[in-house]
Amino acid sequence: MKDQTYIEQAQEIILSGGWTMIPLFLLGCTAFFIAARLALYFRRGNYGKTSVSQCEDWVKDSNKAQGQVGEIIRYSQDNVGSLEEIQDRFAEVRVAEIPRLNQNLVLLTIMINVAPLLGLLGTVLGMLTTFQGISVGGAEQTTNIVADGIHEALITTQMGLCLAIPGFFVTYFIKQKVIDFESFLVRLESITLQAKRNQF
């Protein structure tokens, strides 16, 4: 029963903000989905919890390697006959993972930047409704139109800022995770090349 009440309240808020609230709502849902998917990707990966000494042990014996790091180590070592092949394997990992992460990050950044602009558009439309109400005349009718226009202007601005402000922090956090992942791959490649240098 409470869930139904919350849904009805949400619908009322969205509809009261005019048509700009619909793309704002969809934008927020999409941005949340992308951010959650990226955060889940980095949470599942164990590279942040893997120390240098662990990497060295796992490179020496890839059967001990675990998680995402283990998959990368095994892929970089299986059926390779030279250091160049190991470098090529790490390059393949970077090409497979980093551009996809950056693409999602760019899309998320665009959405976060568009949110306050859509809110501003709603503000402008709400103010136009307000001015239209003032020009119509008539005490009660004017008051209702002006109130609706101001409400529309404020609620769309609020929605845009509520999406953008936390979105900037989330985007920064994910950007740092991508940088950390790139640095880890470089470090892991260096450890692997040093460990395998004497074998070839």
C-alpha atoms as a PDB file:
ATOM      1  CA  MET A   1       0.000   0.000   0.000  1.00  0.00           C
ATOM      2  CA  LYS A   2       2.853   2.365   0.895  1.00  0.00           C
ATOM      3  CA  ASP A   3       4.684   1.449  -2.312  1.00  0.00           C
ATOM      4  CA  GLN A   4       1.619   2.381  -4.333  1.00  0.00           C
ATOM      5  CA  THR A   5       1.427   5.741  -2.520  1.00  0.00           C
ATOM      6  CA  TYR A   6       5.104   6.481  -3.308  1.00  0.00           C
ATOM      7  CA  ILE A   7       4.552   5.589  -6.960  1.00  0.00           C
ATOM      8  CA  GLU A   8       1.514   7.874  -7.158  1.00  0.00           C
ATOM      9  CA  GLN A   9       3.476  10.708  -5.527  1.00  0.00           C
ATOM     10  CA  ALA A  10       6.336  10.215  -7.978  1.00  0.00           C
ATOM     11  CA  GLN A  11       3.926  10.269 -10.912  1.00  0.00           C
ATOM     12  CA  GLU A  12       2.324  13.439  -9.583  1.00  0.00           C
ATOM     13  CA  ILE A  13       5.718  15.157  -9.229  1.00  0.00           C
ATOM     14  CA  ILE A  14       6.795  14.125 -12.736  1.00  0.00           C
ATOM     15  CA  LEU A  15       3.545  15.278 -14.351  1.00  0.00           C
ATOM     16  CA  SER A  16       3.453  18.561 -12.404  1.00  0.00           C
ATOM     17  CA  GLY A  17       6.830  19.571 -13.840  1.00  0.00           C
ATOM     18  CA  GLY A  18       5.643  19.613 -17.433  1.00  0.00           C
ATOM     19  CA  TRP A  19       6.933  17.606 -20.372  1.00  0.00           C
ATOM     20  CA  THR A  20      10.612  18.318 -19.549  1.00  0.00           C
ATOM     21  CA  MET A  21      10.294  16.127 -16.436  1.00  0.00           C
ATOM     22  CA  ILE A  22       9.787  13.051 -18.631  1.00  0.00           C
ATOM     23  CA  PRO A  23      13.185  13.255 -20.406  1.00  0.00           C
ATOM     24  CA  LEU A  24      14.762  14.272 -17.082  1.00  0.00           C
ATOM     25  CA  PHE A  25      13.314  11.182 -15.408  1.00  0.00           C
ATOM     26  CA  LEU A  26      14.443   8.904 -18.255  1.00  0.00           C
ATOM     27  CA  LEU A  27      17.871  10.549 -18.236  1.00  0.00           C
ATOM     28  CA  GLY A  28      18.193   9.944 -14.507  1.00  0.00           C
ATOM     29  CA  CYS A  29      17.198   6.278 -14.818  1.00  0.00           C
ATOM     30  CA  THR A  30      19.656   5.692 -17.680  1.00  0.00           C
ATOM     31  CA  ALA A  31      22.501   7.502 -15.893  1.00  0.00           C
ATOM     32  CA  PHE A  32      21.827   5.494 -12.717  1.00  0.00           C
ATOM     33  CA  PHE A  33      21.871   2.235 -14.712  1.00  0.00           C
ATOM     34  CA  ILE A  34      25.202   3.063 -16.399  1.00  0.00           C
ATOM     35  CA  ALA A  35      26.796   4.201 -13.130  1.00  0.00           C
ATOM     36  CA  ALA A  36      25.562   1.094 -11.288  1.00  0.00           C
ATOM     37  CA  ARG A  37      26.864  -1.191 -14.046  1.00  0.00           C
ATOM     38  CA  LEU A  38      30.318   0.453 -13.982  1.00  0.00           C
ATOM     39  CA  ALA A  39      30.449   0.398 -10.181  1.00  0.00           C
ATOM     40  CA  LEU A  40      29.481  -3.288 -10.185  1.00  0.00           C
ATOM     41  CA  TYR A  41      32.190  -4.041 -12.761  1.00  0.00           C
ATOM     42  CA  PHE A  42      34.878  -2.498 -10.544  1.00  0.00           C
ATOM     43  CA  ARG A  43      33.437  -4.094  -7.413  1.00  0.00           C
ATOM     44  CA  ARG A  44      33.614  -7.556  -8.963  1.00  0.00           C
ATOM     45  CA  GLY A  45      37.191  -7.004 -10.129  1.00  0.00           C
ATOM     46  CA  ASN A  46      39.811  -7.888  -7.514  1.00  0.00           C
ATOM     47  CA  TYR A  47      42.644  -5.769  -8.925  1.00  0.00           C
ATOM     48  CA  GLY A  48      42.207  -3.122  -6.216  1.00  0.00           C
ATOM     49  CA  LYS A  49      42.685  -5.734  -3.482  1.00  0.00           C
ATOM     50  CA  THR A  50      45.628  -7.501  -5.116  1.00  0.00           C
ATOM     51  CA  SER A  51      49.053  -6.486  -3.815  1.00  0.00           C
ATOM     52  CA  VAL A  52      52.290  -6.444  -5.836  1.00  0.00           C
ATOM     53  CA  SER A  53      53.630  -9.474  -3.948  1.00  0.00           C
ATOM     54  CA  GLN A  54      50.431 -11.384  -4.710  1.00  0.00           C
ATOM     55  CA  CYS A  55      50.743 -10.502  -8.396  1.00  0.00           C
ATOM     56  CA  GLU A  56      54.332 -11.765  -8.406  1.00  0.00           C
ATOM     57  CA  ASP A  57      53.274 -15.069  -6.805  1.00  0.00           C
ATOM     58  CA  TRP A  58      50.366 -15.484  -9.206  1.00  0.00           C
ATOM     59  CA  VAL A  59      52.536 -14.717 -12.239  1.00  0.00           C
ATOM     60  CA  LYS A  60      54.993 -17.444 -11.128  1.00  0.00           C
ATOM     61  CA  ASP A  61      52.129 -19.915 -10.640  1.00  0.00           C
ATOM     62  CA  SER A  62      49.062 -18.858 -12.629  1.00  0.00           C
ATOM     63  CA  ASN A  63      46.993 -21.720 -11.179  1.00  0.00           C
ATOM     64  CA  LYS A  64      46.886 -19.838  -7.860  1.00  0.00           C
ATOM     65  CA  ALA A  65      45.604 -16.637  -9.489  1.00  0.00           C
ATOM     66  CA  GLN A  66      42.036 -15.684  -8.675  1.00  0.00           C
ATOM     67  CA  GLY A  67      39.279 -13.462 -10.033  1.00  0.00           C
ATOM     68  CA  GLN A  68      39.658 -10.954 -12.836  1.00  0.00           C
ATOM     69  CA  VAL A  69      43.399 -10.626 -12.195  1.00  0.00           C
ATOM     70  CA  GLY A  70      43.778 -14.389 -12.499  1.00  0.00           C
ATOM     71  CA  GLU A  71      41.988 -14.409 -15.843  1.00  0.00           C
ATOM     72  CA  ILE A  72      44.291 -11.674 -17.169  1.00  0.00           C
ATOM     73  CA  ILE A  73      47.420 -13.469 -15.911  1.00  0.00           C
ATOM     74  CA  ARG A  74      46.397 -16.796 -17.438  1.00  0.00           C
ATOM     75  CA  TYR A  75      45.425 -15.179 -20.731  1.00  0.00           C
ATOM     76  CA  SER A  76      48.744 -13.324 -20.934  1.00  0.00           C
ATOM     77  CA  GLN A  77      50.761 -16.512 -20.334  1.00  0.00           C
ATOM     78  CA  ASP A  78      48.908 -19.341 -22.073  1.00  0.00           C
ATOM     79  CA  ASN A  79      50.743 -20.617 -25.166  1.00  0.00           C
ATOM     80  CA  VAL A  80      53.107 -17.664 -25.491  1.00  0.00           C
ATOM     81  CA  GLY A  81      56.642 -18.089 -26.795  1.00  0.00           C
ATOM     82  CA  SER A  82      58.158 -14.634 -26.386  1.00  0.00           C
ATOM     83  CA  LEU A  83      58.005 -11.413 -24.426  1.00  0.00           C
ATOM     84  CA  GLU A  84      56.496  -9.703 -27.471  1.00  0.00           C
ATOM     85  CA  GLU A  85      53.547 -12.096 -27.368  1.00  0.00           C
ATOM     86  CA  ILE A  86      52.961 -11.250 -23.698  1.00  0.00           C
ATOM     87  CA  GLN A  87      52.984  -7.545 -24.573  1.00  0.00           C
ATOM     88  CA  ASP A  88      50.527  -8.233 -27.383  1.00  0.00           C
ATOM     89  CA  ARG A  89      48.209 -10.088 -24.988  1.00  0.00           C
ATOM     90  CA  PHE A  90      48.210  -7.172 -22.536  1.00  0.00           C
ATOM     91  CA  ALA A  91      47.571  -4.785 -25.419  1.00  0.00           C
ATOM     92  CA  GLU A  92      44.560  -6.936 -26.371  1.00  0.00           C
ATOM     93  CA  VAL A  93      43.254  -6.771 -22.789  1.00  0.00           C
ATOM     94  CA  ARG A  94      43.588  -2.981 -22.786  1.00  0.00           C
ATOM     95  CA  VAL A  95      41.869  -2.678 -26.170  1.00  0.00           C
ATOM     96  CA  ALA A  96      39.038  -4.962 -25.016  1.00  0.00           C
ATOM     97  CA  GLU A  97      38.400  -3.288 -21.651  1.00  0.00           C
ATOM     98  CA  ILE A  98      39.557   0.352 -21.504  1.00  0.00           C
ATOM     99  CA  PRO A  99      37.713   1.802 -24.566  1.00  0.00           C
ATOM    100  CA  ARG A 100      34.449   0.198 -23.426  1.00  0.00           C
ATOM    101  CA  LEU A 101      34.849   1.659 -19.930  1.00  0.00           C
ATOM    102  CA  ASN A 102      35.761   5.078 -21.341  1.00  0.00           C
ATOM    103  CA  GLN A 103      32.795   4.974 -23.717  1.00  0.00           C
ATOM    104  CA  ASN A 104      30.399   4.343 -20.837  1.00  0.00           C
ATOM    105  CA  LEU A 105      32.125   7.040 -18.798  1.00  0.00           C
ATOM    106  CA  VAL A 106      31.787   9.593 -21.613  1.00  0.00           C
ATOM    107  CA  LEU A 107      28.090   8.723 -22.024  1.00  0.00           C
ATOM    108  CA  LEU A 108      27.544   9.097 -18.270  1.00  0.00           C
ATOM    109  CA  THR A 109      29.358  12.457 -18.264  1.00  0.00           C
ATOM    110  CA  ILE A 110      27.205  13.740 -21.130  1.00  0.00           C
ATOM    111  CA  MET A 111      24.024  12.744 -19.313  1.00  0.00           C
ATOM    112  CA  ILE A 112      25.129  14.411 -16.081  1.00  0.00           C
ATOM    113  CA  ASN A 113      25.973  17.611 -17.978  1.00  0.00           C
ATOM    114  CA  VAL A 114      22.664  17.580 -19.873  1.00  0.00           C
ATOM    115  CA  ALA A 115      20.543  17.211 -16.707  1.00  0.00           C
ATOM    116  CA  PRO A 116      20.864  20.833 -15.444  1.00  0.00           C
ATOM    117  CA  LEU A 117      20.352  22.121 -18.995  1.00  0.00           C
ATOM    118  CA  LEU A 118      17.066  20.234 -19.223  1.00  0.00           C
ATOM    119  CA  GLY A 119      16.191  21.633 -15.799  1.00  0.00           C
ATOM    120  CA  LEU A 120      16.948  25.122 -17.104  1.00  0.00           C
ATOM    121  CA  LEU A 121      14.706  24.495 -20.115  1.00  0.00           C
ATOM    122  CA  GLY A 122      11.914  23.531 -17.726  1.00  0.00           C
ATOM    123  CA  THR A 123      12.568  26.726 -15.770  1.00  0.00           C
ATOM    124  CA  VAL A 124      12.220  28.827 -18.916  1.00  0.00           C
ATOM    125  CA  LEU A 125       8.999  27.065 -19.930  1.00  0.00           C
ATOM    126  CA  GLY A 126       7.609  27.484 -16.412  1.00  0.00           C
ATOM    127  CA  MET A 127       8.398  31.211 -16.442  1.00  0.00           C
ATOM    128  CA  LEU A 128       6.716  31.548 -19.838  1.00  0.00           C
ATOM    129  CA  THR A 129       3.607  29.978 -18.322  1.00  0.00           C
ATOM    130  CA  THR A 130       3.883  32.429 -15.425  1.00  0.00           C
ATOM    131  CA  PHE A 131       4.105  35.457 -17.712  1.00  0.00           C
ATOM    132  CA  GLN A 132       1.210  34.124 -19.771  1.00  0.00           C
ATOM    133  CA  GLY A 133      -0.868  33.904 -16.575  1.00  0.00           C
ATOM    134  CA  ILE A 134       0.018  37.471 -15.645  1.00  0.00           C
ATOM    135  CA  SER A 135      -0.977  38.736 -19.092  1.00  0.00           C
ATOM    136  CA  VAL A 136      -4.352  36.954 -19.054  1.00  0.00           C
ATOM    137  CA  GLY A 137      -5.719  38.914 -16.086  1.00  0.00           C
ATOM    138  CA  GLY A 138      -8.428  37.880 -13.668  1.00  0.00           C
ATOM    139  CA  ALA A 139      -7.504  37.437 -10.024  1.00  0.00           C
ATOM    140  CA  GLU A 140      -8.216  33.777  -9.327  1.00  0.00           C
ATOM    141  CA  GLN A 141      -7.300  32.488 -12.776  1.00  0.00           C
ATOM    142  CA  THR A 142      -4.061  34.503 -12.846  1.00  0.00           C
ATOM    143  CA  THR A 143      -3.036  33.250  -9.411  1.00  0.00           C
ATOM    144  CA  ASN A 144      -3.520  29.597 -10.418  1.00  0.00           C
ATOM    145  CA  ILE A 145      -1.605  29.931 -13.702  1.00  0.00           C
ATOM    146  CA  VAL A 146       1.233  31.873 -12.057  1.00  0.00           C
ATOM    147  CA  ALA A 147       1.470  29.314  -9.236  1.00  0.00           C
ATOM    148  CA  ASP A 148       1.553  26.428 -11.732  1.00  0.00           C
ATOM    149  CA  GLY A 149       4.216  28.188 -13.806  1.00  0.00           C
ATOM    150  CA  ILE A 150       6.436  28.873 -10.801  1.00  0.00           C
ATOM    151  CA  HIS A 151       5.970  25.312  -9.560  1.00  0.00           C
ATOM    152  CA  GLU A 152       6.958  23.932 -12.975  1.00  0.00           C
ATOM    153  CA  ALA A 153       9.992  26.238 -13.141  1.00  0.00           C
ATOM    154  CA  LEU A 154      11.268  25.293  -9.687  1.00  0.00           C
ATOM    155  CA  ILE A 155      10.653  21.555  -9.775  1.00  0.00           C
ATOM    156  CA  THR A 156      12.472  21.045 -13.090  1.00  0.00           C
ATOM    157  CA  THR A 157      15.448  23.061 -11.816  1.00  0.00           C
ATOM    158  CA  GLN A 158      15.475  21.014  -8.632  1.00  0.00           C
ATOM    159  CA  MET A 159      15.314  17.731 -10.553  1.00  0.00           C
ATOM    160  CA  GLY A 160      18.158  18.753 -12.870  1.00  0.00           C
ATOM    161  CA  LEU A 161      20.399  19.753  -9.950  1.00  0.00           C
ATOM    162  CA  CYS A 162      19.513  16.627  -7.963  1.00  0.00           C
ATOM    163  CA  LEU A 163      20.754  14.552 -10.889  1.00  0.00           C
ATOM    164  CA  ALA A 164      23.814  16.670 -11.712  1.00  0.00           C
ATOM    165  CA  ILE A 165      25.364  17.308  -8.277  1.00  0.00           C
ATOM    166  CA  PRO A 166      25.741  13.679  -7.109  1.00  0.00           C
ATOM    167  CA  GLY A 167      26.386  12.699 -10.732  1.00  0.00           C
ATOM    168  CA  PHE A 168      29.581  14.788 -10.837  1.00  0.00           C
ATOM    169  CA  PHE A 169      30.939  12.954  -7.783  1.00  0.00           C
ATOM    170  CA  VAL A 170      29.985   9.545  -9.185  1.00  0.00           C
ATOM    171  CA  THR A 171      31.618  10.378 -12.525  1.00  0.00           C
ATOM    172  CA  TYR A 172      34.820  11.475 -10.777  1.00  0.00           C
ATOM    173  CA  PHE A 173      34.858   8.266  -8.702  1.00  0.00           C
ATOM    174  CA  ILE A 174      34.419   6.049 -11.766  1.00  0.00           C
ATOM    175  CA  LYS A 175      37.030   8.036 -13.727  1.00  0.00           C
ATOM    176  CA  GLN A 176      39.536   7.377 -10.934  1.00  0.00           C
ATOM    177  CA  LYS A 177      38.670   3.673 -11.018  1.00  0.00           C
ATOM    178  CA  VAL A 178      39.366   3.543 -14.767  1.00  0.00           C
ATOM    179  CA  ILE A 179      42.733   5.274 -14.244  1.00  0.00           C
ATOM    180  CA  ASP A 180      43.583   2.857 -11.414  1.00  0.00           C
ATOM    181  CA  PHE A 181      42.680  -0.104 -13.632  1.00  0.00           C
ATOM    182  CA  GLU A 182      44.912   1.178 -16.456  1.00  0.00           C
ATOM    183  CA  SER A 183      47.785   1.669 -13.999  1.00  0.00           C
ATOM    184  CA  PHE A 184      47.273  -1.823 -12.613  1.00  0.00           C
ATOM    185  CA  LEU A 185      47.450  -3.361 -16.092  1.00  0.00           C
ATOM    186  CA  VAL A 186      50.736  -1.550 -16.772  1.00  0.00           C
ATOM    187  CA  ARG A 187      52.137  -2.729 -13.428  1.00  0.00           C
ATOM    188  CA  LEU A 188      50.962  -6.315 -13.987  1.00  0.00           C
ATOM    189  CA  GLU A 189      52.487  -6.332 -17.475  1.00  0.00           C
ATOM    190  CA  SER A 190      55.806  -5.152 -16.058  1.00  0.00           C
ATOM    191  CA  ILE A 191      55.755  -7.854 -13.349  1.00  0.00           C
ATOM    192  CA  THR A 192      54.923 -10.538 -15.925  1.00  0.00           C
ATOM    193  CA  LEU A 193      57.671  -9.447 -18.316  1.00  0.00           C
ATOM    194  CA  GLN A 194      60.260  -9.400 -15.544  1.00  0.00           C
ATOM    195  CA  ALA A 195      59.214 -12.840 -14.306  1.00  0.00           C
ATOM    196  CA  LYS A 196      59.248 -14.388 -17.792  1.00  0.00           C
ATOM    197  CA  ARG A 197      62.370 -12.650 -19.110  1.00  0.00           C
ATOM    198  CA  ASN A 198      64.663 -15.533 -18.147  1.00  0.00           C
ATOM    199  CA  GLN A 199      62.380 -18.169 -19.691  1.00  0.00           C
ATOM    200  CA  PHE A 200      62.635 -16.927 -23.281  1.00  0.00           C
END
